[in-house]
PDB file of N, CA and C in Angstrom:
ATOM      1  N   MET A   1     201.337 -62.031 -85.128  1.00  0.00           N
ATOM      2  CA  MET A   1     200.134 -62.308 -85.876  1.00  0.00           C
ATOM      3  C   MET A   1     200.423 -62.019 -87.348  1.00  0.00           C
ATOM      4  N   ASN A   2     200.113 -62.990 -88.207  1.00  0.00           N
ATOM      5  CA  ASN A   2     200.409 -62.795 -89.627  1.00  0.00           C
ATOM      6  C   ASN A   2     199.253 -62.084 -90.335  1.00  0.00           C
ATOM      7  N   ASP A   3     199.464 -61.755 -91.572  1.00  0.00           N
ATOM      8  CA  ASP A   3     198.474 -60.989 -92.344  1.00  0.00           C
ATOM      9  C   ASP A   3     197.157 -61.752 -92.506  1.00  0.00           C
ATOM     10  N   LYS A   4     197.258 -63.050 -92.656  1.00  0.00           N
ATOM     11  CA  LYS A   4     196.054 -63.870 -92.830  1.00  0.00           C
ATOM     12  C   LYS A   4     195.182 -63.804 -91.572  1.00  0.00           C
ATOM     13  N   GLU A   5     195.801 -63.901 -90.400  1.00  0.00           N
ATOM     14  CA  GLU A   5     195.065 -63.814 -89.132  1.00  0.00           C
ATOM     15  C   GLU A   5     194.459 -62.421 -88.952  1.00  0.00           C
ATOM     16  N   LYS A   6     195.230 -61.399 -89.309  1.00  0.00           N
ATOM     17  CA  LYS A   6     194.724 -60.027 -89.206  1.00  0.00           C
ATOM     18  C   LYS A   6     193.515 -59.833 -90.124  1.00  0.00           C
ATOM     19  N   GLN A   7     193.628 -60.333 -91.329  1.00  0.00           N
ATOM     20  CA  GLN A   7     192.518 -60.218 -92.284  1.00  0.00           C
ATOM     21  C   GLN A   7     191.289 -60.955 -91.748  1.00  0.00           C
ATOM     22  N   TYR A   8     191.502 -62.135 -91.200  1.00  0.00           N
ATOM     23  CA  TYR A   8     190.393 -62.904 -90.616  1.00  0.00           C
ATOM     24  C   TYR A   8     189.726 -62.115 -89.491  1.00  0.00           C
ATOM     25  N   LEU A   9     190.540 -61.512 -88.616  1.00  0.00           N
ATOM     26  CA  LEU A   9     189.997 -60.737 -87.502  1.00  0.00           C
ATOM     27  C   LEU A   9     189.245 -59.509 -88.003  1.00  0.00           C
ATOM     28  N   LEU A  10     189.763 -58.864 -89.037  1.00  0.00           N
ATOM     29  CA  LEU A  10     189.065 -57.705 -89.606  1.00  0.00           C
ATOM     30  C   LEU A  10     187.703 -58.110 -90.184  1.00  0.00           C
ATOM     31  N   VAL A  11     187.667 -59.250 -90.831  1.00  0.00           N
ATOM     32  CA  VAL A  11     186.398 -59.762 -91.374  1.00  0.00           C
ATOM     33  C   VAL A  11     185.441 -60.077 -90.228  1.00  0.00           C
ATOM     34  N   GLU A  12     185.942 -60.678 -89.188  1.00  0.00           N
ATOM     35  CA  GLU A  12     185.104 -60.994 -88.015  1.00  0.00           C
ATOM     36  C   GLU A  12     184.574 -59.715 -87.376  1.00  0.00           C
ATOM     37  N   ILE A  13     185.433 -58.716 -87.235  1.00  0.00           N
ATOM     38  CA  ILE A  13     185.018 -57.439 -86.648  1.00  0.00           C
ATOM     39  C   ILE A  13     183.945 -56.798 -87.514  1.00  0.00           C
ATOM     40  N   SER A  14     184.124 -56.849 -88.804  1.00  0.00           N
ATOM     41  CA  SER A  14     183.142 -56.285 -89.735  1.00  0.00           C
ATOM     42  C   SER A  14     181.800 -57.022 -89.600  1.00  0.00           C
ATOM     43  N   HIS A  15     181.885 -58.342 -89.515  1.00  0.00           N
ATOM     44  CA  HIS A  15     180.669 -59.151 -89.354  1.00  0.00           C
ATOM     45  C   HIS A  15     179.971 -58.828 -88.033  1.00  0.00           C
ATOM     46  N   LEU A  16     180.746 -58.709 -86.968  1.00  0.00           N
ATOM     47  CA  LEU A  16     180.171 -58.378 -85.661  1.00  0.00           C
ATOM     48  C   LEU A  16     179.548 -56.986 -85.671  1.00  0.00           C
ATOM     49  N   LYS A  17     180.179 -56.060 -86.392  1.00  0.00           N
ATOM     50  CA  LYS A  17     179.623 -54.710 -86.501  1.00  0.00           C
ATOM     51  C   LYS A  17     178.265 -54.762 -87.200  1.00  0.00           C
ATOM     52  N   GLU A  18     178.155 -55.551 -88.261  1.00  0.00           N
ATOM     53  CA  GLU A  18     176.872 -55.709 -88.966  1.00  0.00           C
ATOM     54  C   GLU A  18     175.818 -56.317 -88.044  1.00  0.00           C
ATOM     55  N   GLU A  19     176.216 -57.328 -87.286  1.00  0.00           N
ATOM     56  CA  GLU A  19     175.283 -57.951 -86.341  1.00  0.00           C
ATOM     57  C   GLU A  19     174.822 -56.957 -85.285  1.00  0.00           C
ATOM     58  N   LEU A  20     175.748 -56.123 -84.823  1.00  0.00           N
ATOM     59  CA  LEU A  20     175.410 -55.110 -83.828  1.00  0.00           C
ATOM     60  C   LEU A  20     174.437 -54.090 -84.405  1.00  0.00           C
ATOM     61  N   GLU A  21     174.671 -53.661 -85.641  1.00  0.00           N
ATOM     62  CA  GLU A  21     173.755 -52.720 -86.291  1.00  0.00           C
ATOM     63  C   GLU A  21     172.360 -53.338 -86.442  1.00  0.00           C
ATOM     64  N   GLU A  22     172.321 -54.596 -86.823  1.00  0.00           N
ATOM     65  CA  GLU A  22     171.035 -55.296 -86.962  1.00  0.00           C
ATOM     66  C   GLU A  22     170.341 -55.426 -85.608  1.00  0.00           C
ATOM     67  N   ALA A  23     171.123 -55.722 -84.586  1.00  0.00           N
ATOM     68  CA  ALA A  23     170.555 -55.823 -83.235  1.00  0.00           C
ATOM     69  C   ALA A  23     170.013 -54.470 -82.782  1.00  0.00           C
ATOM     70  N   ASP A  24     170.710 -53.381 -83.122  1.00  0.00           N
ATOM     71  CA  ASP A  24     170.228 -52.039 -82.786  1.00  0.00           C
ATOM     72  C   ASP A  24     168.900 -51.742 -83.479  1.00  0.00           C
ATOM     73  N   LYS A  25     168.805 -52.127 -84.761  1.00  0.00           N
ATOM     74  CA  LYS A  25     167.550 -51.924 -85.493  1.00  0.00           C
ATOM     75  C   LYS A  25     166.417 -52.719 -84.848  1.00  0.00           C
ATOM     76  N   THR A  26     166.709 -53.958 -84.504  1.00  0.00           N
ATOM     77  CA  THR A  26     165.706 -54.803 -83.852  1.00  0.00           C
ATOM     78  C   THR A  26     165.295 -54.204 -82.517  1.00  0.00           C
ATOM     79  N   ASN A  27     166.263 -53.704 -81.770  1.00  0.00           N
ATOM     80  CA  ASN A  27     165.979 -53.075 -80.487  1.00  0.00           C
ATOM     81  C   ASN A  27     165.079 -51.853 -80.669  1.00  0.00           C
ATOM     82  N   ASP A  28     165.366 -51.045 -81.681  1.00  0.00           N
ATOM     83  CA  ASP A  28     164.535 -49.869 -81.955  1.00  0.00           C
ATOM     84  C   ASP A  28     163.095 -50.268 -82.273  1.00  0.00           C
ATOM     85  N   ILE A  29     162.946 -51.298 -83.085  1.00  0.00           N
ATOM     86  CA  ILE A  29     161.602 -51.787 -83.434  1.00  0.00           C
ATOM     87  C   ILE A  29     160.878 -52.274 -82.187  1.00  0.00           C
ATOM     88  N   LEU A  30     161.580 -53.040 -81.359  1.00  0.00           N
ATOM     89  CA  LEU A  30     160.968 -53.550 -80.129  1.00  0.00           C
ATOM     90  C   LEU A  30     160.602 -52.418 -79.172  1.00  0.00           C
ATOM     91  N   GLN A  31     161.427 -51.377 -79.124  1.00  0.00           N
ATOM     92  CA  GLN A  31     161.135 -50.213 -78.282  1.00  0.00           C
ATOM     93  C   GLN A  31     159.844 -49.551 -78.739  1.00  0.00           C
ATOM     94  N   LEU A  32     159.697 -49.382 -80.062  1.00  0.00           N
ATOM     95  CA  LEU A  32     158.477 -48.769 -80.594  1.00  0.00           C
ATOM     96  C   LEU A  32     157.253 -49.625 -80.284  1.00  0.00           C
ATOM     97  N   GLU A  33     157.395 -50.933 -80.468  1.00  0.00           N
ATOM     98  CA  GLU A  33     156.283 -51.831 -80.143  1.00  0.00           C
ATOM     99  C   GLU A  33     155.951 -51.761 -78.660  1.00  0.00           C
ATOM    100  N   ASN A  34     156.965 -51.695 -77.822  1.00  0.00           N
ATOM    101  CA  ASN A  34     156.766 -51.589 -76.379  1.00  0.00           C
ATOM    102  C   ASN A  34     156.028 -50.295 -76.036  1.00  0.00           C
ATOM    103  N   ASP A  35     156.430 -49.200 -76.676  1.00  0.00           N
ATOM    104  CA  ASP A  35     155.757 -47.921 -76.444  1.00  0.00           C
ATOM    105  C   ASP A  35     154.291 -47.993 -76.867  1.00  0.00           C
ATOM    106  N   ASP A  36     154.043 -48.636 -78.023  1.00  0.00           N
ATOM    107  CA  ASP A  36     152.660 -48.790 -78.494  1.00  0.00           C
ATOM    108  C   ASP A  36     151.842 -49.609 -77.504  1.00  0.00           C
ATOM    109  N   LEU A  37     152.424 -50.699 -77.021  1.00  0.00           N
ATOM    110  CA  LEU A  37     151.719 -51.548 -76.061  1.00  0.00           C
ATOM    111  C   LEU A  37     151.463 -50.812 -74.755  1.00  0.00           C
ATOM    112  N   ARG A  38     152.436 -50.036 -74.319  1.00  0.00           N
ATOM    113  CA  ARG A  38     152.281 -49.255 -73.089  1.00  0.00           C
ATOM    114  C   ARG A  38     151.132 -48.252 -73.249  1.00  0.00           C
ATOM    115  N   THR A  39     151.050 -47.631 -74.429  1.00  0.00           N
ATOM    116  CA  THR A  39     149.961 -46.691 -74.707  1.00  0.00           C
ATOM    117  C   THR A  39     148.619 -47.410 -74.680  1.00  0.00           C
ATOM    118  N   GLU A  40     148.556 -48.592 -75.284  1.00  0.00           N
ATOM    119  CA  GLU A  40     147.314 -49.374 -75.278  1.00  0.00           C
ATOM    120  C   GLU A  40     146.902 -49.739 -73.851  1.00  0.00           C
ATOM    121  N   VAL A  41     147.874 -50.121 -73.040  1.00  0.00           N
ATOM    122  CA  VAL A  41     147.574 -50.479 -71.647  1.00  0.00           C
ATOM    123  C   VAL A  41     147.045 -49.263 -70.895  1.00  0.00           C
ATOM    124  N   MET A  42     147.656 -48.105 -71.129  1.00  0.00           N
ATOM    125  CA  MET A  42     147.197 -46.895 -70.444  1.00  0.00           C
ATOM    126  C   MET A  42     145.770 -46.548 -70.873  1.00  0.00           C
ATOM    127  N   LYS A  43     145.470 -46.708 -72.165  1.00  0.00           N
ATOM    128  CA  LYS A  43     144.110 -46.444 -72.644  1.00  0.00           C
ATOM    129  C   LYS A  43     143.128 -47.432 -72.020  1.00  0.00           C
ATOM    130  N   ALA A  44     143.531 -48.694 -71.939  1.00  0.00           N
ATOM    131  CA  ALA A  44     142.671 -49.708 -71.326  1.00  0.00           C
ATOM    132  C   ALA A  44     142.445 -49.385 -69.850  1.00  0.00           C
ATOM    133  N   ASP A  45     143.498 -48.917 -69.182  1.00  0.00           N
ATOM    134  CA  ASP A  45     143.378 -48.510 -67.777  1.00  0.00           C
ATOM    135  C   ASP A  45     142.380 -47.376 -67.624  1.00  0.00           C
ATOM    136  N   GLN A  46     142.450 -46.407 -68.527  1.00  0.00           N
ATOM    137  CA  GLN A  46     141.520 -45.282 -68.474  1.00  0.00           C
ATOM    138  C   GLN A  46     140.082 -45.763 -68.677  1.00  0.00           C
ATOM    139  N   ARG A  47     139.902 -46.663 -69.662  1.00  0.00           N
ATOM    140  CA  ARG A  47     138.555 -47.199 -69.910  1.00  0.00           C
ATOM    141  C   ARG A  47     138.061 -47.971 -68.688  1.00  0.00           C
ATOM    142  N   THR A  48     138.951 -48.740 -68.071  1.00  0.00           N
ATOM    143  CA  THR A  48     138.585 -49.497 -66.877  1.00  0.00           C
ATOM    144  C   THR A  48     138.164 -48.554 -65.757  1.00  0.00           C
ATOM    145  N   CYS A  49     138.923 -47.487 -65.575  1.00  0.00           N
ATOM    146  CA  CYS A  49     138.567 -46.515 -64.534  1.00  0.00           C
ATOM    147  C   CYS A  49     137.207 -45.887 -64.816  1.00  0.00           C
ATOM    148  N   LEU A  50     136.950 -45.577 -66.074  1.00  0.00           N
ATOM    149  CA  LEU A  50     135.653 -45.003 -66.430  1.00  0.00           C
ATOM    150  C   LEU A  50     134.520 -45.989 -66.162  1.00  0.00           C
ATOM    151  N   VAL A  51     134.743 -47.253 -66.487  1.00  0.00           N
ATOM    152  CA  VAL A  51     133.729 -48.275 -66.239  1.00  0.00           C
ATOM    153  C   VAL A  51     133.489 -48.429 -64.740  1.00  0.00           C
ATOM    154  N   ILE A  52     134.560 -48.448 -63.967  1.00  0.00           N
ATOM    155  CA  ILE A  52     134.433 -48.571 -62.507  1.00  0.00           C
ATOM    156  C   ILE A  52     133.681 -47.373 -61.947  1.00  0.00           C
ATOM    157  N   GLU A  53     134.000 -46.190 -62.459  1.00  0.00           N
ATOM    158  CA  GLU A  53     133.309 -44.974 -62.011  1.00  0.00           C
ATOM    159  C   GLU A  53     131.821 -45.054 -62.353  1.00  0.00           C
ATOM    160  N   GLU A  54     131.523 -45.525 -63.552  1.00  0.00           N
ATOM    161  CA  GLU A  54     130.126 -45.652 -63.964  1.00  0.00           C
ATOM    162  C   GLU A  54     129.397 -46.687 -63.109  1.00  0.00           C
ATOM    163  N   ILE A  55     130.065 -47.783 -62.800  1.00  0.00           N
ATOM    164  CA  ILE A  55     129.464 -48.798 -61.931  1.00  0.00           C
ATOM    165  C   ILE A  55     129.172 -48.201 -60.565  1.00  0.00           C
ATOM    166  N   GLY A  56     130.122 -47.399 -60.050  1.00  0.00           N
ATOM    167  CA  GLY A  56     129.913 -46.741 -58.755  1.00  0.00           C
ATOM    168  C   GLY A  56     128.700 -45.827 -58.792  1.00  0.00           C
ATOM    169  N   GLU A  57     128.554 -45.069 -59.881  1.00  0.00           N
ATOM    170  CA  GLU A  57     127.397 -44.190 -60.022  1.00  0.00           C
ATOM    171  C   GLU A  57     126.101 -44.999 -60.054  1.00  0.00           C
ATOM    172  N   LYS A  58     126.110 -46.091 -60.776  1.00  0.00           N
ATOM    173  CA  LYS A  58     124.908 -46.946 -60.861  1.00  0.00           C
ATOM    174  C   LYS A  58     124.587 -47.545 -59.495  1.00  0.00           C
ATOM    175  N   MET A  59     125.627 -47.944 -58.770  1.00  0.00           N
ATOM    176  CA  MET A  59     125.403 -48.490 -57.424  1.00  0.00           C
ATOM    177  C   MET A  59     124.778 -47.432 -56.519  1.00  0.00           C
ATOM    178  N   ASN A  60     125.246 -46.194 -56.623  1.00  0.00           N
ATOM    179  CA  ASN A  60     124.658 -45.114 -55.834  1.00  0.00           C
ATOM    180  C   ASN A  60     123.198 -44.912 -56.198  1.00  0.00           C
ATOM    181  N   GLN A  61     122.883 -44.995 -57.496  1.00  0.00           N
ATOM    182  CA  GLN A  61     121.488 -44.867 -57.927  1.00  0.00           C
ATOM    183  C   GLN A  61     120.642 -46.001 -57.349  1.00  0.00           C
ATOM    184  N   VAL A  62     121.188 -47.204 -57.382  1.00  0.00           N
ATOM    185  CA  VAL A  62     120.465 -48.359 -56.829  1.00  0.00           C
ATOM    186  C   VAL A  62     120.231 -48.159 -55.334  1.00  0.00           C
ATOM    187  N   LEU A  63     121.247 -47.680 -54.623  1.00  0.00           N
ATOM    188  CA  LEU A  63     121.101 -47.452 -53.181  1.00  0.00           C
ATOM    189  C   LEU A  63     120.059 -46.369 -52.899  1.00  0.00           C
ATOM    190  N   GLU A  64     120.036 -45.330 -53.723  1.00  0.00           N
ATOM    191  CA  GLU A  64     119.025 -44.285 -53.559  1.00  0.00           C
ATOM    192  C   GLU A  64     117.621 -44.849 -53.784  1.00  0.00           C
ATOM    193  N   ILE A  65     117.482 -45.650 -54.823  1.00  0.00           N
ATOM    194  CA  ILE A  65     116.190 -46.268 -55.112  1.00  0.00           C
ATOM    195  C   ILE A  65     115.800 -47.201 -53.973  1.00  0.00           C
ATOM    196  N   ASP A  66     116.752 -47.972 -53.490  1.00  0.00           N
ATOM    197  CA  ASP A  66     116.500 -48.888 -52.374  1.00  0.00           C
ATOM    198  C   ASP A  66     116.018 -48.110 -51.141  1.00  0.00           C
ATOM    199  N   SER A  67     116.659 -46.984 -50.886  1.00  0.00           N
ATOM    200  CA  SER A  67     116.278 -46.160 -49.744  1.00  0.00           C
ATOM    201  C   SER A  67     114.855 -45.630 -49.917  1.00  0.00           C
ATOM    202  N   LYS A  68     114.529 -45.198 -51.122  1.00  0.00           N
ATOM    203  CA  LYS A  68     113.174 -44.695 -51.397  1.00  0.00           C
ATOM    204  C   LYS A  68     112.142 -45.808 -51.234  1.00  0.00           C
ATOM    205  N   VAL A  69     112.486 -46.988 -51.734  1.00  0.00           N
ATOM    206  CA  VAL A  69     111.570 -48.129 -51.607  1.00  0.00           C
ATOM    207  C   VAL A  69     111.354 -48.459 -50.131  1.00  0.00           C
ATOM    208  N   ASP A  70     112.447 -48.441 -49.357  1.00  0.00           N
ATOM    209  CA  ASP A  70     112.324 -48.708 -47.918  1.00  0.00           C
ATOM    210  C   ASP A  70     111.394 -47.688 -47.263  1.00  0.00           C
ATOM    211  N   ARG A  71     111.540 -46.408 -47.631  1.00  0.00           N
ATOM    212  CA  ARG A  71     110.670 -45.375 -47.049  1.00  0.00           C
ATOM    213  C   ARG A  71     109.215 -45.578 -47.458  1.00  0.00           C
ATOM    214  N   ILE A  72     109.017 -45.912 -48.721  1.00  0.00           N
ATOM    215  CA  ILE A  72     107.642 -46.153 -49.191  1.00  0.00           C
ATOM    216  C   ILE A  72     107.039 -47.348 -48.472  1.00  0.00           C
ATOM    217  N   LEU A  73     107.838 -48.412 -48.333  1.00  0.00           N
ATOM    218  CA  LEU A  73     107.334 -49.601 -47.628  1.00  0.00           C
ATOM    219  C   LEU A  73     107.040 -49.281 -46.170  1.00  0.00           C
ATOM    220  N   ALA A  74     107.885 -48.452 -45.560  1.00  0.00           N
ATOM    221  CA  ALA A  74     107.651 -48.065 -44.167  1.00  0.00           C
ATOM    222  C   ALA A  74     106.357 -47.259 -44.056  1.00  0.00           C
ATOM    223  N   ILE A  75     106.131 -46.363 -45.014  1.00  0.00           N
ATOM    224  CA  ILE A  75     104.887 -45.577 -45.013  1.00  0.00           C
ATOM    225  C   ILE A  75     103.687 -46.488 -45.210  1.00  0.00           C
ATOM    226  N   LEU A  76     103.805 -47.392 -46.170  1.00  0.00           N
ATOM    227  CA  LEU A  76     102.691 -48.315 -46.436  1.00  0.00           C
ATOM    228  C   LEU A  76     102.453 -49.234 -45.228  1.00  0.00           C
ATOM    229  N   ASP A  77     103.530 -49.669 -44.599  1.00  0.00           N
ATOM    230  CA  ASP A  77     103.413 -50.503 -43.418  1.00  0.00           C
ATOM    231  C   ASP A  77     102.741 -49.735 -42.289  1.00  0.00           C
ATOM    232  N   GLY A  78     103.087 -48.435 -42.171  1.00  0.00           N
ATOM    233  CA  GLY A  78     102.467 -47.584 -41.150  1.00  0.00           C
ATOM    234  C   GLY A  78     100.976 -47.396 -41.425  1.00  0.00           C
ATOM    235  N   ASP A  79     100.603 -47.278 -42.695  1.00  0.00           N
ATOM    236  CA  ASP A  79      99.201 -47.124 -43.072  1.00  0.00           C
ATOM    237  C   ASP A  79      98.418 -48.395 -42.740  1.00  0.00           C
ATOM    238  N   LYS A  80      99.030 -49.561 -42.884  1.00  0.00           N
ATOM    239  CA  LYS A  80      98.351 -50.806 -42.584  1.00  0.00           C
ATOM    240  C   LYS A  80      98.063 -50.925 -41.100  1.00  0.00           C
ATOM    241  N   LYS A  81      98.950 -50.384 -40.261  1.00  0.00           N
ATOM    242  CA  LYS A  81      98.764 -50.491 -38.821  1.00  0.00           C
ATOM    243  C   LYS A  81      97.626 -49.578 -38.358  1.00  0.00           C
ATOM    244  N   ASP A  82      97.383 -48.499 -39.077  1.00  0.00           N
ATOM    245  CA  ASP A  82      96.335 -47.564 -38.677  1.00  0.00           C
ATOM    246  C   ASP A  82      95.014 -48.086 -39.040  1.00  0.00           C
TER     247      ASP A  82
END
């Protein structure tokens, strides 16, 4: 291998090293963005769980009210028969 080829290869290696450094920087940025997105998803999951829990509580309240209405209607129905 002559000096010209060696010099060319050294330039190529240097260029590839720069590309690798740039790719590492890009990877770091993407990792940070990924972490941010993961955090947002976890927060959204927590909010969803809270909403589901609240819906469950409201459903229980509705069922309690429904049960009370049924009892009142049964009492009123019993009064009509008397």
